[in-house]
PDB file of N, CA and C in Angstrom:
ATOM      1  N   UNK A   1       0.841  -1.159   0.003  1.00  0.00           N
ATOM      2  CA  UNK A   1       0.002   0.000  -0.001  1.00  0.00           C
ATOM      3  C   UNK A   1       0.893   1.236  -0.001  1.00  0.00           C
ATOM      4  N   UNK A   2       0.471   2.241  -0.726  1.00  0.00           N
ATOM      5  CA  UNK A   2       1.230   3.488  -0.776  1.00  0.00           C
ATOM      6  C   UNK A   2       0.263   4.649  -0.610  1.00  0.00           C
ATOM      7  N   UNK A   3       0.575   5.560   0.306  1.00  0.00           N
ATOM      8  CA  UNK A   3      -0.247   6.744   0.550  1.00  0.00           C
ATOM      9  C   UNK A   3       0.558   7.985   0.251  1.00  0.00           C
ATOM     10  N   UNK A   4      -0.103   8.984  -0.285  1.00  0.00           N
ATOM     11  CA  UNK A   4       0.522  10.269  -0.542  1.00  0.00           C
ATOM     12  C   UNK A   4      -0.166  11.311   0.337  1.00  0.00           C
ATOM     13  N   UNK A   5       0.622  12.128   1.027  1.00  0.00           N
ATOM     14  CA  UNK A   5       0.110  13.124   1.941  1.00  0.00           C
ATOM     15  C   UNK A   5       0.613  14.500   1.540  1.00  0.00           C
ATOM     16  N   UNK A   6      -0.165  15.504   1.869  1.00  0.00           N
ATOM     17  CA  UNK A   6       0.291  16.885   1.841  1.00  0.00           C
ATOM     18  C   UNK A   6       0.176  17.395   3.258  1.00  0.00           C
ATOM     19  N   UNK A   7       1.267  17.957   3.757  1.00  0.00           N
ATOM     20  CA  UNK A   7       1.310  18.383   5.149  1.00  0.00           C
ATOM     21  C   UNK A   7       1.629  19.863   5.208  1.00  0.00           C
ATOM     22  N   UNK A   8       0.861  20.594   6.005  1.00  0.00           N
ATOM     23  CA  UNK A   8       1.153  21.998   6.232  1.00  0.00           C
ATOM     24  C   UNK A   8       1.520  22.179   7.682  1.00  0.00           C
ATOM     25  N   UNK A   9       2.522  22.974   7.930  1.00  0.00           N
ATOM     26  CA  UNK A   9       2.925  23.244   9.302  1.00  0.00           C
ATOM     27  C   UNK A   9       3.038  24.752   9.487  1.00  0.00           C
ATOM     28  N   UNK A  10       3.171  25.181  10.724  1.00  0.00           N
ATOM     29  CA  UNK A  10       3.301  26.599  11.020  1.00  0.00           C
ATOM     30  C   UNK A  10       4.709  26.908  11.490  1.00  0.00           C
ATOM     31  N   UNK A  11       5.113  28.123  11.251  1.00  0.00           N
ATOM     32  CA  UNK A  11       6.394  28.597  11.737  1.00  0.00           C
ATOM     33  C   UNK A  11       6.274  28.762  13.249  1.00  0.00           C
ATOM     34  N   UNK A  12       7.230  28.261  14.007  1.00  0.00           N
ATOM     35  CA  UNK A  12       7.141  28.269  15.467  1.00  0.00           C
ATOM     36  C   UNK A  12       7.179  29.675  16.048  1.00  0.00           C
ATOM     37  N   UNK A  13       7.811  30.624  15.375  1.00  0.00           N
ATOM     38  CA  UNK A  13       7.910  31.965  15.951  1.00  0.00           C
ATOM     39  C   UNK A  13       6.829  32.906  15.442  1.00  0.00           C
ATOM     40  N   UNK A  14       6.419  32.758  14.170  1.00  0.00           N
ATOM     41  CA  UNK A  14       5.421  33.694  13.630  1.00  0.00           C
ATOM     42  C   UNK A  14       4.034  33.079  13.526  1.00  0.00           C
ATOM     43  N   UNK A  15       3.900  31.789  13.663  1.00  0.00           N
ATOM     44  CA  UNK A  15       2.645  31.054  13.526  1.00  0.00           C
ATOM     45  C   UNK A  15       2.008  31.216  12.135  1.00  0.00           C
ATOM     46  N   UNK A  16       2.797  31.546  11.127  1.00  0.00           N
ATOM     47  CA  UNK A  16       2.296  31.619   9.760  1.00  0.00           C
ATOM     48  C   UNK A  16       2.388  30.246   9.118  1.00  0.00           C
ATOM     49  N   UNK A  17       1.394  29.937   8.266  1.00  0.00           N
ATOM     50  CA  UNK A  17       1.407  28.661   7.564  1.00  0.00           C
ATOM     51  C   UNK A  17       2.529  28.644   6.537  1.00  0.00           C
ATOM     52  N   UNK A  18       3.250  27.540   6.506  1.00  0.00           N
ATOM     53  CA  UNK A  18       4.302  27.360   5.511  1.00  0.00           C
ATOM     54  C   UNK A  18       3.718  26.628   4.318  1.00  0.00           C
ATOM     55  N   UNK A  19       4.461  26.574   3.208  1.00  0.00           N
ATOM     56  CA  UNK A  19       3.995  25.887   2.013  1.00  0.00           C
ATOM     57  C   UNK A  19       3.796  24.408   2.307  1.00  0.00           C
ATOM     58  N   UNK A  20       2.793  23.766   1.650  1.00  0.00           N
ATOM     59  CA  UNK A  20       2.571  22.333   1.878  1.00  0.00           C
ATOM     60  C   UNK A  20       3.785  21.497   1.467  1.00  0.00           C
ATOM     61  N   UNK A  21       4.008  20.452   2.199  1.00  0.00           N
ATOM     62  CA  UNK A  21       5.084  19.510   1.920  1.00  0.00           C
ATOM     63  C   UNK A  21       4.460  18.182   1.508  1.00  0.00           C
ATOM     64  N   UNK A  22       4.884  17.638   0.379  1.00  0.00           N
ATOM     65  CA  UNK A  22       4.338  16.337  -0.026  1.00  0.00           C
ATOM     66  C   UNK A  22       5.149  15.232   0.638  1.00  0.00           C
ATOM     67  N   UNK A  23       4.484  14.140   0.909  1.00  0.00           N
ATOM     68  CA  UNK A  23       5.095  13.049   1.646  1.00  0.00           C
ATOM     69  C   UNK A  23       4.493  11.742   1.153  1.00  0.00           C
ATOM     70  N   UNK A  24       5.304  10.733   0.901  1.00  0.00           N
ATOM     71  CA  UNK A  24       4.847   9.434   0.436  1.00  0.00           C
ATOM     72  C   UNK A  24       5.256   8.366   1.437  1.00  0.00           C
ATOM     73  N   UNK A  25       4.317   7.477   1.759  1.00  0.00           N
ATOM     74  CA  UNK A  25       4.610   6.374   2.672  1.00  0.00           C
ATOM     75  C   UNK A  25       4.208   5.074   1.998  1.00  0.00           C
ATOM     76  N   UNK A  26       5.087   4.081   2.034  1.00  0.00           N
ATOM     77  CA  UNK A  26       4.821   2.757   1.489  1.00  0.00           C
ATOM     78  C   UNK A  26       4.831   1.752   2.625  1.00  0.00           C
ATOM     79  N   UNK A  27       3.815   0.879   2.656  1.00  0.00           N
ATOM     80  CA  UNK A  27       3.671  -0.097   3.735  1.00  0.00           C
ATOM     81  C   UNK A  27       3.489  -1.489   3.125  1.00  0.00           C
ATOM     82  N   UNK A  28       4.284  -2.447   3.579  1.00  0.00           N
ATOM     83  CA  UNK A  28       4.105  -3.858   3.233  1.00  0.00           C
ATOM     84  C   UNK A  28       3.696  -4.585   4.513  1.00  0.00           C
ATOM     85  N   UNK A  29       2.632  -5.411   4.440  1.00  0.00           N
ATOM     86  CA  UNK A  29       2.089  -6.060   5.643  1.00  0.00           C
ATOM     87  C   UNK A  29       1.838  -7.538   5.415  1.00  0.00           C
ATOM     88  N   UNK A  30       1.973  -8.297   6.503  1.00  0.00           N
ATOM     89  CA  UNK A  30       1.637  -9.718   6.511  1.00  0.00           C
ATOM     90  C   UNK A  30       0.873  -9.992   7.800  1.00  0.00           C
ATOM     91  N   UNK A  31      -0.207 -10.785   7.704  1.00  0.00           N
ATOM     92  CA  UNK A  31      -1.013 -11.128   8.867  1.00  0.00           C
ATOM     93  C   UNK A  31      -1.265 -12.624   8.853  1.00  0.00           C
ATOM     94  N   UNK A  32      -1.219 -13.236  10.038  1.00  0.00           N
ATOM     95  CA  UNK A  32      -1.532 -14.656  10.159  1.00  0.00           C
ATOM     96  C   UNK A  32      -2.296 -14.925  11.448  1.00  0.00           C
ATOM     97  N   UNK A  33      -3.173 -15.924  11.412  1.00  0.00           N
ATOM     98  CA  UNK A  33      -3.977 -16.260  12.587  1.00  0.00           C
ATOM     99  C   UNK A  33      -4.137 -17.768  12.676  1.00  0.00           C
ATOM    100  N   UNK A  34      -4.089 -18.278  13.904  1.00  0.00           N
ATOM    101  CA  UNK A  34      -4.245 -19.704  14.166  1.00  0.00           C
ATOM    102  C   UNK A  34      -5.236 -19.861  15.303  1.00  0.00           C
ATOM    103  N   UNK A  35      -6.258 -20.686  15.094  1.00  0.00           N
ATOM    104  CA  UNK A  35      -7.270 -20.950  16.120  1.00  0.00           C
ATOM    105  C   UNK A  35      -7.316 -22.452  16.375  1.00  0.00           C
ATOM    106  N   UNK A  36      -7.132 -22.843  17.645  1.00  0.00           N
ATOM    107  CA  UNK A  36      -7.069 -24.269  18.003  1.00  0.00           C
ATOM    108  C   UNK A  36      -8.179 -24.588  18.997  1.00  0.00           C
ATOM    109  N   UNK A  37      -9.181 -25.373  18.595  1.00  0.00           N
ATOM    110  CA  UNK A  37     -10.201 -25.814  19.548  1.00  0.00           C
ATOM    111  C   UNK A  37      -9.645 -26.948  20.422  1.00  0.00           C
ATOM    112  N   UNK A  38      -9.525 -26.707  21.718  1.00  0.00           N
ATOM    113  CA  UNK A  38      -9.009 -27.718  22.647  1.00  0.00           C
ATOM    114  C   UNK A  38     -10.122 -28.638  23.102  1.00  0.00           C
ATOM    115  N   UNK A  39     -11.237 -28.046  23.487  1.00  0.00           N
ATOM    116  CA  UNK A  39     -12.413 -28.816  23.905  1.00  0.00           C
ATOM    117  C   UNK A  39     -13.583 -28.385  23.038  1.00  0.00           C
ATOM    118  N   UNK A  40     -14.321 -29.360  22.515  1.00  0.00           N
ATOM    119  CA  UNK A  40     -15.489 -29.087  21.664  1.00  0.00           C
ATOM    120  C   UNK A  40     -16.652 -29.975  22.049  1.00  0.00           C
ATOM    121  N   UNK A  41     -17.608 -30.127  21.148  1.00  0.00           N
ATOM    122  CA  UNK A  41     -18.811 -30.929  21.414  1.00  0.00           C
ATOM    123  C   UNK A  41     -18.498 -32.387  21.719  1.00  0.00           C
ATOM    124  N   UNK A  42     -17.494 -32.952  21.052  1.00  0.00           N
ATOM    125  CA  UNK A  42     -17.211 -34.381  21.189  1.00  0.00           C
ATOM    126  C   UNK A  42     -16.452 -34.744  22.451  1.00  0.00           C
ATOM    127  N   UNK A  43     -15.686 -33.806  23.032  1.00  0.00           N
ATOM    128  CA  UNK A  43     -14.922 -34.134  24.245  1.00  0.00           C
ATOM    129  C   UNK A  43     -15.225 -33.163  25.387  1.00  0.00           C
ATOM    130  N   UNK A  44     -16.443 -32.650  25.426  1.00  0.00           N
ATOM    131  CA  UNK A  44     -16.844 -31.708  26.478  1.00  0.00           C
ATOM    132  C   UNK A  44     -16.869 -32.393  27.831  1.00  0.00           C
ATOM    133  N   UNK A  45     -16.507 -31.617  28.870  1.00  0.00           N
ATOM    134  CA  UNK A  45     -16.517 -32.102  30.245  1.00  0.00           C
ATOM    135  C   UNK A  45     -17.520 -31.271  31.037  1.00  0.00           C
ATOM    136  N   UNK A  46     -17.720 -31.624  32.290  1.00  0.00           N
ATOM    137  CA  UNK A  46     -18.619 -30.807  33.087  1.00  0.00           C
ATOM    138  C   UNK A  46     -17.984 -29.435  33.310  1.00  0.00           C
ATOM    139  N   UNK A  47     -18.733 -28.396  33.070  1.00  0.00           N
ATOM    140  CA  UNK A  47     -18.314 -26.993  33.178  1.00  0.00           C
ATOM    141  C   UNK A  47     -17.225 -26.589  32.181  1.00  0.00           C
ATOM    142  N   UNK A  48     -16.985 -27.399  31.172  1.00  0.00           N
ATOM    143  CA  UNK A  48     -16.123 -26.991  30.055  1.00  0.00           C
ATOM    144  C   UNK A  48     -16.771 -27.524  28.774  1.00  0.00           C
ATOM    145  N   UNK A  49     -17.708 -26.750  28.249  1.00  0.00           N
ATOM    146  CA  UNK A  49     -18.335 -27.127  26.994  1.00  0.00           C
ATOM    147  C   UNK A  49     -17.442 -26.837  25.796  1.00  0.00           C
ATOM    148  N   UNK A  50     -16.661 -25.749  25.917  1.00  0.00           N
ATOM    149  CA  UNK A  50     -15.797 -25.366  24.809  1.00  0.00           C
ATOM    150  C   UNK A  50     -14.591 -24.592  25.345  1.00  0.00           C
ATOM    151  N   UNK A  51     -13.416 -24.870  24.783  1.00  0.00           N
ATOM    152  CA  UNK A  51     -12.206 -24.132  25.103  1.00  0.00           C
ATOM    153  C   UNK A  51     -11.424 -23.963  23.808  1.00  0.00           C
ATOM    154  N   UNK A  52     -11.176 -22.716  23.437  1.00  0.00           N
ATOM    155  CA  UNK A  52     -10.469 -22.416  22.192  1.00  0.00           C
ATOM    156  C   UNK A  52      -9.317 -21.456  22.486  1.00  0.00           C
ATOM    157  N   UNK A  53      -8.147 -21.787  21.969  1.00  0.00           N
ATOM    158  CA  UNK A  53      -6.977 -20.919  22.060  1.00  0.00           C
ATOM    159  C   UNK A  53      -6.667 -20.394  20.665  1.00  0.00           C
ATOM    160  N   UNK A  54      -6.253 -19.128  20.600  1.00  0.00           N
ATOM    161  CA  UNK A  54      -5.906 -18.572  19.291  1.00  0.00           C
ATOM    162  C   UNK A  54      -4.707 -17.643  19.428  1.00  0.00           C
ATOM    163  N   UNK A  55      -3.979 -17.529  18.339  1.00  0.00           N
ATOM    164  CA  UNK A  55      -2.826 -16.641  18.263  1.00  0.00           C
ATOM    165  C   UNK A  55      -2.818 -15.995  16.889  1.00  0.00           C
ATOM    166  N   UNK A  56      -2.444 -14.742  16.862  1.00  0.00           N
ATOM    167  CA  UNK A  56      -2.333 -14.046  15.587  1.00  0.00           C
ATOM    168  C   UNK A  56      -1.138 -13.111  15.656  1.00  0.00           C
ATOM    169  N   UNK A  57      -0.661 -12.710  14.495  1.00  0.00           N
ATOM    170  CA  UNK A  57       0.473 -11.809  14.433  1.00  0.00           C
ATOM    171  C   UNK A  57       0.369 -10.972  13.168  1.00  0.00           C
ATOM    172  N   UNK A  58       0.876  -9.747  13.288  1.00  0.00           N
ATOM    173  CA  UNK A  58       0.907  -8.842  12.154  1.00  0.00           C
ATOM    174  C   UNK A  58       2.302  -8.225  12.069  1.00  0.00           C
ATOM    175  N   UNK A  59       2.847  -8.219  10.857  1.00  0.00           N
ATOM    176  CA  UNK A  59       4.153  -7.611  10.603  1.00  0.00           C
ATOM    177  C   UNK A  59       3.960  -6.524   9.553  1.00  0.00           C
ATOM    178  N   UNK A  60       4.416  -5.318   9.859  1.00  0.00           N
ATOM    179  CA  UNK A  60       4.331  -4.197   8.940  1.00  0.00           C
ATOM    180  C   UNK A  60       5.735  -3.644   8.716  1.00  0.00           C
ATOM    181  N   UNK A  61       6.055  -3.366   7.469  1.00  0.00           N
ATOM    182  CA  UNK A  61       7.341  -2.757   7.138  1.00  0.00           C
ATOM    183  C   UNK A  61       7.055  -1.435   6.443  1.00  0.00           C
ATOM    184  N   UNK A  62       7.556  -0.336   7.023  1.00  0.00           N
ATOM    185  CA  UNK A  62       7.333   1.003   6.516  1.00  0.00           C
ATOM    186  C   UNK A  62       8.626   1.507   5.890  1.00  0.00           C
ATOM    187  N   UNK A  63       8.515   2.254   4.801  1.00  0.00           N
ATOM    188  CA  UNK A  63       9.712   2.778   4.165  1.00  0.00           C
ATOM    189  C   UNK A  63      10.345   3.908   4.974  1.00  0.00           C
ATOM    190  N   UNK A  64       9.614   4.501   5.911  1.00  0.00           N
ATOM    191  CA  UNK A  64      10.142   5.644   6.638  1.00  0.00           C
ATOM    192  C   UNK A  64      10.309   5.395   8.138  1.00  0.00           C
ATOM    193  N   UNK A  65       9.646   4.398   8.715  1.00  0.00           N
ATOM    194  CA  UNK A  65       9.700   4.182  10.158  1.00  0.00           C
ATOM    195  C   UNK A  65      10.405   2.898  10.557  1.00  0.00           C
ATOM    196  N   UNK A  66      10.665   2.021   9.635  1.00  0.00           N
ATOM    197  CA  UNK A  66      11.210   0.720  10.008  1.00  0.00           C
ATOM    198  C   UNK A  66      10.105  -0.321   9.982  1.00  0.00           C
ATOM    199  N   UNK A  67      10.062  -1.184  10.973  1.00  0.00           N
ATOM    200  CA  UNK A  67       9.053  -2.243  10.971  1.00  0.00           C
ATOM    201  C   UNK A  67       8.473  -2.443  12.360  1.00  0.00           C
ATOM    202  N   UNK A  68       7.313  -3.110  12.407  1.00  0.00           N
ATOM    203  CA  UNK A  68       6.678  -3.460  13.672  1.00  0.00           C
ATOM    204  C   UNK A  68       6.199  -4.904  13.597  1.00  0.00           C
ATOM    205  N   UNK A  69       6.207  -5.577  14.737  1.00  0.00           N
ATOM    206  CA  UNK A  69       5.686  -6.935  14.861  1.00  0.00           C
ATOM    207  C   UNK A  69       4.754  -6.940  16.062  1.00  0.00           C
ATOM    208  N   UNK A  70       3.479  -7.278  15.841  1.00  0.00           N
ATOM    209  CA  UNK A  70       2.474  -7.217  16.896  1.00  0.00           C
ATOM    210  C   UNK A  70       1.768  -8.562  17.045  1.00  0.00           C
ATOM    211  N   UNK A  71       2.159  -9.370  18.043  1.00  0.00           N
ATOM    212  CA  UNK A  71       1.460 -10.627  18.300  1.00  0.00           C
ATOM    213  C   UNK A  71       0.246 -10.408  19.205  1.00  0.00           C
ATOM    214  N   UNK A  72      -0.698 -11.350  19.126  1.00  0.00           N
ATOM    215  CA  UNK A  72      -1.894 -11.304  19.980  1.00  0.00           C
ATOM    216  C   UNK A  72      -2.273 -12.740  20.319  1.00  0.00           C
ATOM    217  N   UNK A  73      -2.622 -12.966  21.587  1.00  0.00           N
ATOM    218  CA  UNK A  73      -3.032 -14.289  22.044  1.00  0.00           C
ATOM    219  C   UNK A  73      -4.405 -14.168  22.695  1.00  0.00           C
ATOM    220  N   UNK A  74      -5.242 -15.200  22.524  1.00  0.00           N
ATOM    221  CA  UNK A  74      -6.589 -15.154  23.076  1.00  0.00           C
ATOM    222  C   UNK A  74      -7.035 -16.548  23.497  1.00  0.00           C
ATOM    223  N   UNK A  75      -7.961 -16.555  24.434  1.00  0.00           N
ATOM    224  CA  UNK A  75      -8.579 -17.806  24.894  1.00  0.00           C
ATOM    225  C   UNK A  75     -10.058 -17.552  25.137  1.00  0.00           C
ATOM    226  N   UNK A  76     -10.867 -18.541  24.790  1.00  0.00           N
ATOM    227  CA  UNK A  76     -12.319 -18.467  25.029  1.00  0.00           C
ATOM    228  C   UNK A  76     -12.746 -19.736  25.753  1.00  0.00           C
ATOM    229  N   UNK A  77     -13.397 -19.570  26.873  1.00  0.00           N
ATOM    230  CA  UNK A  77     -13.915 -20.686  27.669  1.00  0.00           C
ATOM    231  C   UNK A  77     -15.423 -20.543  27.745  1.00  0.00           C
ATOM    232  N   UNK A  78     -16.125 -21.630  27.424  1.00  0.00           N
ATOM    233  CA  UNK A  78     -17.586 -21.665  27.524  1.00  0.00           C
ATOM    234  C   UNK A  78     -17.941 -22.756  28.542  1.00  0.00           C
ATOM    235  N   UNK A  79     -18.106 -22.339  29.842  1.00  0.00           N
ATOM    236  CA  UNK A  79     -18.382 -23.345  30.860  1.00  0.00           C
ATOM    237  C   UNK A  79     -19.761 -23.985  30.700  1.00  0.00           C
ATOM    238  N   UNK A  80     -20.722 -23.234  30.303  1.00  0.00           N
ATOM    239  CA  UNK A  80     -22.065 -23.736  29.984  1.00  0.00           C
ATOM    240  C   UNK A  80     -22.456 -23.128  28.636  1.00  0.00           C
ATOM    241  N   UNK A  81     -23.469 -23.653  28.027  1.00  0.00           N
ATOM    242  CA  UNK A  81     -23.795 -23.245  26.659  1.00  0.00           C
ATOM    243  C   UNK A  81     -24.211 -21.784  26.536  1.00  0.00           C
ATOM    244  N   UNK A  82     -24.732 -21.184  27.560  1.00  0.00           N
ATOM    245  CA  UNK A  82     -25.268 -19.825  27.464  1.00  0.00           C
ATOM    246  C   UNK A  82     -24.314 -18.723  27.909  1.00  0.00           C
ATOM    247  N   UNK A  83     -23.077 -19.061  28.251  1.00  0.00           N
ATOM    248  CA  UNK A  83     -22.125 -18.021  28.642  1.00  0.00           C
ATOM    249  C   UNK A  83     -20.734 -18.361  28.100  1.00  0.00           C
ATOM    250  N   UNK A  84     -20.006 -17.304  27.696  1.00  0.00           N
ATOM    251  CA  UNK A  84     -18.626 -17.475  27.222  1.00  0.00           C
ATOM    252  C   UNK A  84     -17.745 -16.460  27.933  1.00  0.00           C
ATOM    253  N   UNK A  85     -16.563 -16.894  28.342  1.00  0.00           N
ATOM    254  CA  UNK A  85     -15.591 -16.039  29.007  1.00  0.00           C
ATOM    255  C   UNK A  85     -14.347 -16.007  28.111  1.00  0.00           C
ATOM    256  N   UNK A  86     -13.890 -14.819  27.816  1.00  0.00           N
ATOM    257  CA  UNK A  86     -12.732 -14.703  26.929  1.00  0.00           C
ATOM    258  C   UNK A  86     -11.720 -13.706  27.439  1.00  0.00           C
ATOM    259  N   UNK A  87     -10.517 -13.858  26.977  1.00  0.00           N
ATOM    260  CA  UNK A  87      -9.459 -12.922  27.333  1.00  0.00           C
ATOM    261  C   UNK A  87      -8.443 -12.829  26.213  1.00  0.00           C
ATOM    262  N   UNK A  88      -7.820 -11.663  26.094  1.00  0.00           N
ATOM    263  CA  UNK A  88      -6.805 -11.458  25.075  1.00  0.00           C
ATOM    264  C   UNK A  88      -5.598 -10.753  25.671  1.00  0.00           C
ATOM    265  N   UNK A  89      -4.493 -10.924  25.017  1.00  0.00           N
ATOM    266  CA  UNK A  89      -3.268 -10.222  25.384  1.00  0.00           C
ATOM    267  C   UNK A  89      -2.516  -9.881  24.107  1.00  0.00           C
ATOM    268  N   UNK A  90      -2.069  -8.639  24.004  1.00  0.00           N
ATOM    269  CA  UNK A  90      -1.387  -8.208  22.790  1.00  0.00           C
ATOM    270  C   UNK A  90      -0.285  -7.228  23.140  1.00  0.00           C
ATOM    271  N   UNK A  91       0.642  -7.094  22.246  1.00  0.00           N
ATOM    272  CA  UNK A  91       1.697  -6.088  22.435  1.00  0.00           C
ATOM    273  C   UNK A  91       1.230  -4.777  21.817  1.00  0.00           C
ATOM    274  N   UNK A  92       1.547  -3.657  22.442  1.00  0.00           N
ATOM    275  CA  UNK A  92       1.121  -2.375  21.887  1.00  0.00           C
ATOM    276  C   UNK A  92       1.927  -2.032  20.641  1.00  0.00           C
ATOM    277  N   UNK A  93       1.306  -1.327  19.741  1.00  0.00           N
ATOM    278  CA  UNK A  93       1.979  -0.920  18.523  1.00  0.00           C
ATOM    279  C   UNK A  93       2.907   0.248  18.787  1.00  0.00           C
ATOM    280  N   UNK A  94       4.126   0.178  18.267  1.00  0.00           N
ATOM    281  CA  UNK A  94       5.062   1.282  18.401  1.00  0.00           C
ATOM    282  C   UNK A  94       4.848   2.332  17.324  1.00  0.00           C
ATOM    283  N   UNK A  95       3.964   2.050  16.368  1.00  0.00           N
ATOM    284  CA  UNK A  95       3.777   2.964  15.261  1.00  0.00           C
ATOM    285  C   UNK A  95       3.219   4.306  15.716  1.00  0.00           C
ATOM    286  N   UNK A  96       2.322   4.328  16.671  1.00  0.00           N
ATOM    287  CA  UNK A  96       1.719   5.577  17.097  1.00  0.00           C
ATOM    288  C   UNK A  96       2.783   6.539  17.611  1.00  0.00           C
ATOM    289  N   UNK A  97       3.718   6.044  18.412  1.00  0.00           N
ATOM    290  CA  UNK A  97       4.787   6.901  18.913  1.00  0.00           C
ATOM    291  C   UNK A  97       5.652   7.404  17.773  1.00  0.00           C
ATOM    292  N   UNK A  98       5.906   6.570  16.791  1.00  0.00           N
ATOM    293  CA  UNK A  98       6.712   6.991  15.661  1.00  0.00           C
ATOM    294  C   UNK A  98       5.967   7.992  14.791  1.00  0.00           C
ATOM    295  N   UNK A  99       4.671   7.798  14.603  1.00  0.00           N
ATOM    296  CA  UNK A  99       3.882   8.672  13.750  1.00  0.00           C
ATOM    297  C   UNK A  99       3.819  10.082  14.327  1.00  0.00           C
ATOM    298  N   UNK A 100       3.734  10.220  15.635  1.00  0.00           N
ATOM    299  CA  UNK A 100       3.653  11.551  16.225  1.00  0.00           C
ATOM    300  C   UNK A 100       4.943  12.333  16.051  1.00  0.00           C
ATOM    301  N   UNK A 101       6.037  11.677  15.701  1.00  0.00           N
ATOM    302  CA  UNK A 101       7.264  12.414  15.447  1.00  0.00           C
ATOM    303  C   UNK A 101       7.163  13.243  14.170  1.00  0.00           C
ATOM    304  N   UNK A 102       6.233  12.919  13.273  1.00  0.00           N
ATOM    305  CA  UNK A 102       6.025  13.708  12.069  1.00  0.00           C
ATOM    306  C   UNK A 102       5.243  14.984  12.354  1.00  0.00           C
ATOM    307  N   UNK A 103       4.418  14.947  13.360  1.00  0.00           N
ATOM    308  CA  UNK A 103       3.543  16.088  13.632  1.00  0.00           C
ATOM    309  C   UNK A 103       4.317  17.200  14.315  1.00  0.00           C
ATOM    310  N   UNK A 104       3.899  18.410  14.038  1.00  0.00           N
ATOM    311  CA  UNK A 104       4.505  19.554  14.717  1.00  0.00           C
ATOM    312  C   UNK A 104       3.409  20.206  15.549  1.00  0.00           C
ATOM    313  N   UNK A 105       3.379  19.883  16.815  1.00  0.00           N
ATOM    314  CA  UNK A 105       2.346  20.379  17.712  1.00  0.00           C
ATOM    315  C   UNK A 105       2.769  21.723  18.273  1.00  0.00           C
ATOM    316  N   UNK A 106       1.930  22.752  18.179  1.00  0.00           N
ATOM    317  CA  UNK A 106       2.304  24.048  18.756  1.00  0.00           C
ATOM    318  C   UNK A 106       2.305  23.973  20.276  1.00  0.00           C
ATOM    319  N   UNK A 107       3.279  24.612  20.888  1.00  0.00           N
ATOM    320  CA  UNK A 107       3.384  24.636  22.337  1.00  0.00           C
ATOM    321  C   UNK A 107       3.075  26.044  22.830  1.00  0.00           C
ATOM    322  N   UNK A 108       2.273  26.194  23.869  1.00  0.00           N
ATOM    323  CA  UNK A 108       1.962  27.525  24.374  1.00  0.00           C
ATOM    324  C   UNK A 108       3.101  28.138  25.187  1.00  0.00           C
ATOM    325  N   UNK A 109       4.151  27.388  25.481  1.00  0.00           N
ATOM    326  CA  UNK A 109       5.291  27.899  26.236  1.00  0.00           C
ATOM    327  C   UNK A 109       6.582  27.381  25.584  1.00  0.00           C
ATOM    328  N   UNK A 110       7.683  28.052  25.805  1.00  0.00           N
ATOM    329  CA  UNK A 110       8.943  27.567  25.219  1.00  0.00           C
ATOM    330  C   UNK A 110       9.411  26.298  25.910  1.00  0.00           C
ATOM    331  N   UNK A 111      10.123  25.483  25.180  1.00  0.00           N
ATOM    332  CA  UNK A 111      10.663  24.254  25.742  1.00  0.00           C
ATOM    333  C   UNK A 111      11.848  24.614  26.645  1.00  0.00           C
ATOM    334  N   UNK A 112      11.913  24.027  27.829  1.00  0.00           N
ATOM    335  CA  UNK A 112      13.004  24.322  28.736  1.00  0.00           C
ATOM    336  C   UNK A 112      13.531  23.021  29.326  1.00  0.00           C
ATOM    337  N   UNK A 113      14.774  23.009  29.778  1.00  0.00           N
ATOM    338  CA  UNK A 113      15.345  21.786  30.373  1.00  0.00           C
ATOM    339  C   UNK A 113      14.539  21.334  31.585  1.00  0.00           C
ATOM    340  N   UNK A 114      14.624  20.075  31.869  1.00  0.00           N
ATOM    341  CA  UNK A 114      13.873  19.487  32.969  1.00  0.00           C
ATOM    342  C   UNK A 114      14.165  20.189  34.300  1.00  0.00           C
ATOM    343  N   UNK A 115      13.118  20.505  35.042  1.00  0.00           N
ATOM    344  CA  UNK A 115      13.164  21.130  36.367  1.00  0.00           C
ATOM    345  C   UNK A 115      13.736  22.548  36.387  1.00  0.00           C
ATOM    346  N   UNK A 116      13.925  23.176  35.218  1.00  0.00           N
ATOM    347  CA  UNK A 116      14.498  24.529  35.224  1.00  0.00           C
ATOM    348  C   UNK A 116      13.443  25.607  35.059  1.00  0.00           C
ATOM    349  N   UNK A 117      12.252  25.254  34.640  1.00  0.00           N
ATOM    350  CA  UNK A 117      11.203  26.250  34.422  1.00  0.00           C
ATOM    351  C   UNK A 117      10.301  26.336  35.632  1.00  0.00           C
ATOM    352  N   UNK A 118       9.712  27.490  35.782  1.00  0.00           N
ATOM    353  CA  UNK A 118       8.696  27.633  36.819  1.00  0.00           C
ATOM    354  C   UNK A 118       7.472  26.827  36.384  1.00  0.00           C
ATOM    355  N   UNK A 119       6.478  26.825  37.190  1.00  0.00           N
ATOM    356  CA  UNK A 119       5.276  26.046  36.901  1.00  0.00           C
ATOM    357  C   UNK A 119       4.671  26.471  35.566  1.00  0.00           C
ATOM    358  N   UNK A 120       4.379  25.514  34.755  1.00  0.00           N
ATOM    359  CA  UNK A 120       3.812  25.790  33.423  1.00  0.00           C
ATOM    360  C   UNK A 120       2.314  26.033  33.555  1.00  0.00           C
ATOM    361  N   UNK A 121       1.745  26.852  32.661  1.00  0.00           N
ATOM    362  CA  UNK A 121       0.296  27.067  32.720  1.00  0.00           C
ATOM    363  C   UNK A 121      -0.462  25.790  32.382  1.00  0.00           C
ATOM    364  N   UNK A 122      -1.628  25.661  32.985  1.00  0.00           N
ATOM    365  CA  UNK A 122      -2.417  24.444  32.773  1.00  0.00           C
ATOM    366  C   UNK A 122      -3.169  24.513  31.461  1.00  0.00           C
TER     367      UNK A 122
END
């Protein structure tokens, strides 16, 4: 996948809009998922009608940020037919932190070294 962006930013001292900057991002992705039924209709026990474990993973390679690998694991337990209990665990994506490095957020106060400024306005 390839996306084309136009980005406008402001000058930090005058707050005037600068000319748009074009930007292209290319992303290659792979996704896989595996679902394993441990307990089903044929081998159900008391208070375990169904137990399913699943794992999935996504790999993304960006031309400008590098790559990310995000695994996810899940389990579903159905103790009786009318209720299911599930849980998931996943790694957080590092892309959001990387993406915000492109943005230029205006600050209402100048940047100062740690612990050297007086209290900042709320």
